[in-house]
Structure formats: C-alpha cells, structure tokens
C-alpha cells in the first residue's frame, strides 16, 4: 500500500481543483461552479484558462483514482 503516493495525489487534486474554481469564478462569476461546473461551461473554451485548469483537474482526478485503487 503506497499511502504516500495517495497523499501526494490528494494534494495535487486539491490544488488543481482550487485553480479551476478560481478560473471559473474569475471568468463566470461567484456562482460559476454551482451554475456551470458540471456542464459544458465547466470545461471552458479551447485555450481558455478554464480549459487549461479543467484539463489539469481532470488529470489530477485520474491520478488520484489510480493511487486510491493501488492503495486499497
């Protein structure tokens, strides 16, 4: 069980999520995550800060899920 790897991926995911939420709020307003976060608006337009942070967040989620399964 590699709990250290799981902890690192959890921190990476928290950071990526925070950056995505910040980009959403800056671009679409304070309720952006609630209103658009789980639809196409949450992905952002190609080349946008929302898209870059969305992709980083998606990668972090996948890494965290992989580490979680490996630690089980």
N, C-alpha and C. Protein backbone atom coordinates (compact mmCIF):
# COMPACT_ATOMS: atom_id res chain seq x y z
N UNK A 1 0.85 -1.17 0.00
CA UNK A 1 0.00 0.00 0.00
C UNK A 1 0.90 1.24 0.00
N UNK A 2 0.70 2.11 -0.98
CA UNK A 2 1.51 3.32 -1.09
C UNK A 2 0.67 4.52 -0.66
N UNK A 3 0.55 4.69 0.65
CA UNK A 3 -0.26 5.79 1.17
C UNK A 3 0.39 7.14 0.92
N UNK A 4 1.72 7.17 0.80
CA UNK A 4 2.40 8.42 0.49
C UNK A 4 1.98 8.92 -0.89
N UNK A 5 1.94 8.01 -1.87
CA UNK A 5 1.52 8.39 -3.23
C UNK A 5 0.08 8.89 -3.22
N UNK A 6 -0.77 8.23 -2.46
CA UNK A 6 -2.17 8.66 -2.36
C UNK A 6 -2.25 10.07 -1.77
N UNK A 7 -1.46 10.33 -0.74
CA UNK A 7 -1.47 11.67 -0.12
C UNK A 7 -1.00 12.74 -1.10
N UNK A 8 0.01 12.42 -1.88
CA UNK A 8 0.52 13.38 -2.87
C UNK A 8 -0.53 13.67 -3.92
N UNK A 9 -1.20 12.62 -4.40
CA UNK A 9 -2.22 12.85 -5.42
C UNK A 9 -3.42 13.60 -4.85
N UNK A 10 -3.73 13.40 -3.58
CA UNK A 10 -4.81 14.16 -2.94
C UNK A 10 -4.46 15.65 -2.88
N UNK A 11 -3.21 15.96 -2.55
CA UNK A 11 -2.78 17.36 -2.51
C UNK A 11 -2.79 17.97 -3.92
N UNK A 12 -2.33 17.20 -4.90
CA UNK A 12 -2.35 17.68 -6.28
C UNK A 12 -3.78 17.95 -6.75
N UNK A 13 -4.68 17.05 -6.40
CA UNK A 13 -6.08 17.22 -6.79
C UNK A 13 -6.68 18.45 -6.12
N UNK A 14 -6.42 18.64 -4.85
CA UNK A 14 -6.94 19.81 -4.14
C UNK A 14 -6.43 21.10 -4.77
N UNK A 15 -5.16 21.12 -5.13
CA UNK A 15 -4.58 22.30 -5.77
C UNK A 15 -5.19 22.54 -7.15
N UNK A 16 -5.30 21.51 -7.96
CA UNK A 16 -5.89 21.65 -9.29
C UNK A 16 -7.34 22.09 -9.21
N UNK A 17 -8.08 21.55 -8.26
CA UNK A 17 -9.47 21.93 -8.09
C UNK A 17 -9.59 23.40 -7.69
N UNK A 18 -8.72 23.83 -6.79
CA UNK A 18 -8.73 25.23 -6.36
C UNK A 18 -8.44 26.17 -7.54
N UNK A 19 -7.48 25.82 -8.38
CA UNK A 19 -7.15 26.64 -9.54
C UNK A 19 -8.31 26.69 -10.53
N UNK A 20 -8.96 25.56 -10.76
CA UNK A 20 -10.12 25.51 -11.66
C UNK A 20 -11.25 26.37 -11.12
N UNK A 21 -11.55 26.24 -9.82
CA UNK A 21 -12.61 27.04 -9.22
C UNK A 21 -12.30 28.53 -9.31
N UNK A 22 -11.05 28.90 -9.13
CA UNK A 22 -10.64 30.30 -9.24
C UNK A 22 -10.85 30.80 -10.67
N UNK A 23 -10.44 30.01 -11.65
CA UNK A 23 -10.64 30.41 -13.06
C UNK A 23 -12.12 30.54 -13.38
N UNK A 24 -12.92 29.62 -12.88
CA UNK A 24 -14.38 29.69 -13.10
C UNK A 24 -14.94 30.98 -12.49
N UNK A 25 -14.57 31.26 -11.25
CA UNK A 25 -15.09 32.45 -10.58
C UNK A 25 -14.67 33.73 -11.28
N UNK A 26 -13.41 33.80 -11.70
CA UNK A 26 -12.92 35.00 -12.40
C UNK A 26 -13.66 35.24 -13.71
N UNK A 27 -13.92 34.17 -14.43
CA UNK A 27 -14.49 34.30 -15.76
C UNK A 27 -16.02 34.39 -15.74
N UNK A 28 -16.65 33.57 -14.92
CA UNK A 28 -18.11 33.45 -14.97
C UNK A 28 -18.84 33.96 -13.72
N UNK A 29 -18.10 34.41 -12.72
CA UNK A 29 -18.73 34.98 -11.54
C UNK A 29 -18.72 34.05 -10.35
N UNK A 30 -19.17 34.58 -9.21
CA UNK A 30 -19.04 33.86 -7.93
C UNK A 30 -19.84 32.56 -7.84
N UNK A 31 -20.88 32.40 -8.61
CA UNK A 31 -21.66 31.16 -8.57
C UNK A 31 -21.35 30.25 -9.75
N UNK A 32 -20.23 30.48 -10.41
CA UNK A 32 -19.89 29.76 -11.64
C UNK A 32 -19.84 28.25 -11.46
N UNK A 33 -19.22 27.79 -10.39
CA UNK A 33 -19.09 26.34 -10.19
C UNK A 33 -20.47 25.73 -9.98
N UNK A 34 -21.31 26.39 -9.22
CA UNK A 34 -22.66 25.87 -8.99
C UNK A 34 -23.51 25.88 -10.25
N UNK A 35 -23.38 26.94 -11.05
CA UNK A 35 -24.22 27.09 -12.23
C UNK A 35 -23.68 26.36 -13.46
N UNK A 36 -22.37 26.30 -13.61
CA UNK A 36 -21.78 25.78 -14.84
C UNK A 36 -20.77 24.65 -14.64
N UNK A 37 -20.41 24.36 -13.43
CA UNK A 37 -19.32 23.44 -13.15
C UNK A 37 -19.51 22.02 -13.61
N UNK A 38 -20.74 21.59 -13.76
CA UNK A 38 -20.97 20.19 -14.10
C UNK A 38 -21.58 20.02 -15.48
N UNK A 39 -21.46 21.06 -16.29
CA UNK A 39 -21.91 21.02 -17.68
C UNK A 39 -20.79 21.47 -18.57
N UNK A 40 -21.10 21.71 -19.84
CA UNK A 40 -20.07 22.12 -20.79
C UNK A 40 -19.33 23.40 -20.39
N UNK A 41 -19.98 24.30 -19.68
CA UNK A 41 -19.33 25.53 -19.24
C UNK A 41 -18.17 25.29 -18.31
N UNK A 42 -18.22 24.20 -17.59
CA UNK A 42 -17.15 23.87 -16.66
C UNK A 42 -15.86 23.45 -17.34
N UNK A 43 -15.96 23.08 -18.61
CA UNK A 43 -14.77 22.70 -19.37
C UNK A 43 -14.09 23.90 -20.00
N UNK A 44 -14.82 24.96 -20.24
CA UNK A 44 -14.26 26.16 -20.85
C UNK A 44 -14.00 25.99 -22.34
N UNK A 45 -13.71 27.10 -22.97
CA UNK A 45 -13.40 27.11 -24.40
C UNK A 45 -11.94 26.69 -24.62
N UNK A 46 -11.65 26.09 -25.77
CA UNK A 46 -10.26 25.72 -26.06
C UNK A 46 -9.33 26.92 -25.90
N UNK A 47 -8.23 26.71 -25.21
CA UNK A 47 -7.23 27.75 -25.00
C UNK A 47 -7.51 28.68 -23.83
N UNK A 48 -8.67 28.55 -23.22
CA UNK A 48 -9.03 29.44 -22.11
C UNK A 48 -8.40 28.97 -20.80
N UNK A 49 -8.36 29.86 -19.82
CA UNK A 49 -7.83 29.47 -18.50
C UNK A 49 -8.71 28.41 -17.87
N UNK A 50 -10.01 28.48 -18.12
CA UNK A 50 -10.90 27.45 -17.59
C UNK A 50 -10.55 26.09 -18.19
N UNK A 51 -10.31 26.04 -19.50
CA UNK A 51 -10.00 24.76 -20.14
C UNK A 51 -8.67 24.21 -19.63
N UNK A 52 -7.68 25.06 -19.51
CA UNK A 52 -6.36 24.59 -19.02
C UNK A 52 -6.48 24.04 -17.60
N UNK A 53 -7.19 24.75 -16.74
CA UNK A 53 -7.32 24.27 -15.36
C UNK A 53 -8.26 23.07 -15.27
N UNK A 54 -9.26 23.01 -16.15
CA UNK A 54 -10.16 21.86 -16.19
C UNK A 54 -9.38 20.60 -16.56
N UNK A 55 -8.53 20.72 -17.59
CA UNK A 55 -7.73 19.57 -18.02
C UNK A 55 -6.75 19.14 -16.93
N UNK A 56 -6.14 20.09 -16.26
CA UNK A 56 -5.23 19.76 -15.16
C UNK A 56 -5.99 19.06 -14.04
N UNK A 57 -7.19 19.54 -13.75
CA UNK A 57 -8.03 18.93 -12.71
C UNK A 57 -8.42 17.51 -13.11
N UNK A 58 -8.80 17.34 -14.37
CA UNK A 58 -9.20 16.01 -14.84
C UNK A 58 -8.03 15.02 -14.73
N UNK A 59 -6.84 15.47 -15.07
CA UNK A 59 -5.65 14.64 -14.95
C UNK A 59 -5.38 14.29 -13.48
N UNK A 60 -5.55 15.27 -12.60
CA UNK A 60 -5.34 15.05 -11.17
C UNK A 60 -6.37 14.07 -10.60
N UNK A 61 -7.60 14.15 -11.06
CA UNK A 61 -8.63 13.21 -10.61
C UNK A 61 -8.25 11.79 -11.02
N UNK A 62 -7.81 11.63 -12.26
CA UNK A 62 -7.42 10.30 -12.74
C UNK A 62 -6.24 9.74 -11.94
N UNK A 63 -5.25 10.58 -11.65
CA UNK A 63 -4.09 10.13 -10.86
C UNK A 63 -4.51 9.75 -9.45
N UNK A 64 -5.39 10.53 -8.85
CA UNK A 64 -5.87 10.23 -7.50
C UNK A 64 -6.65 8.92 -7.48
N UNK A 65 -7.52 8.73 -8.47
CA UNK A 65 -8.29 7.48 -8.53
C UNK A 65 -7.36 6.27 -8.68
N UNK A 66 -6.35 6.41 -9.52
CA UNK A 66 -5.38 5.32 -9.71
C UNK A 66 -4.65 5.01 -8.40
N UNK A 67 -4.19 6.04 -7.72
CA UNK A 67 -3.47 5.86 -6.45
C UNK A 67 -4.39 5.27 -5.38
N UNK A 68 -5.64 5.68 -5.39
CA UNK A 68 -6.59 5.16 -4.40
C UNK A 68 -6.82 3.66 -4.61
N UNK A 69 -6.97 3.26 -5.87
CA UNK A 69 -7.15 1.83 -6.16
C UNK A 69 -5.90 1.03 -5.79
N UNK A 70 -4.73 1.61 -6.06
CA UNK A 70 -3.46 0.91 -5.76
C UNK A 70 -3.26 0.78 -4.25
N UNK A 71 -3.78 1.73 -3.48
CA UNK A 71 -3.59 1.72 -2.03
C UNK A 71 -4.59 0.79 -1.34
N UNK A 72 -5.62 0.39 -2.05
CA UNK A 72 -6.66 -0.44 -1.43
C UNK A 72 -6.23 -1.88 -1.23
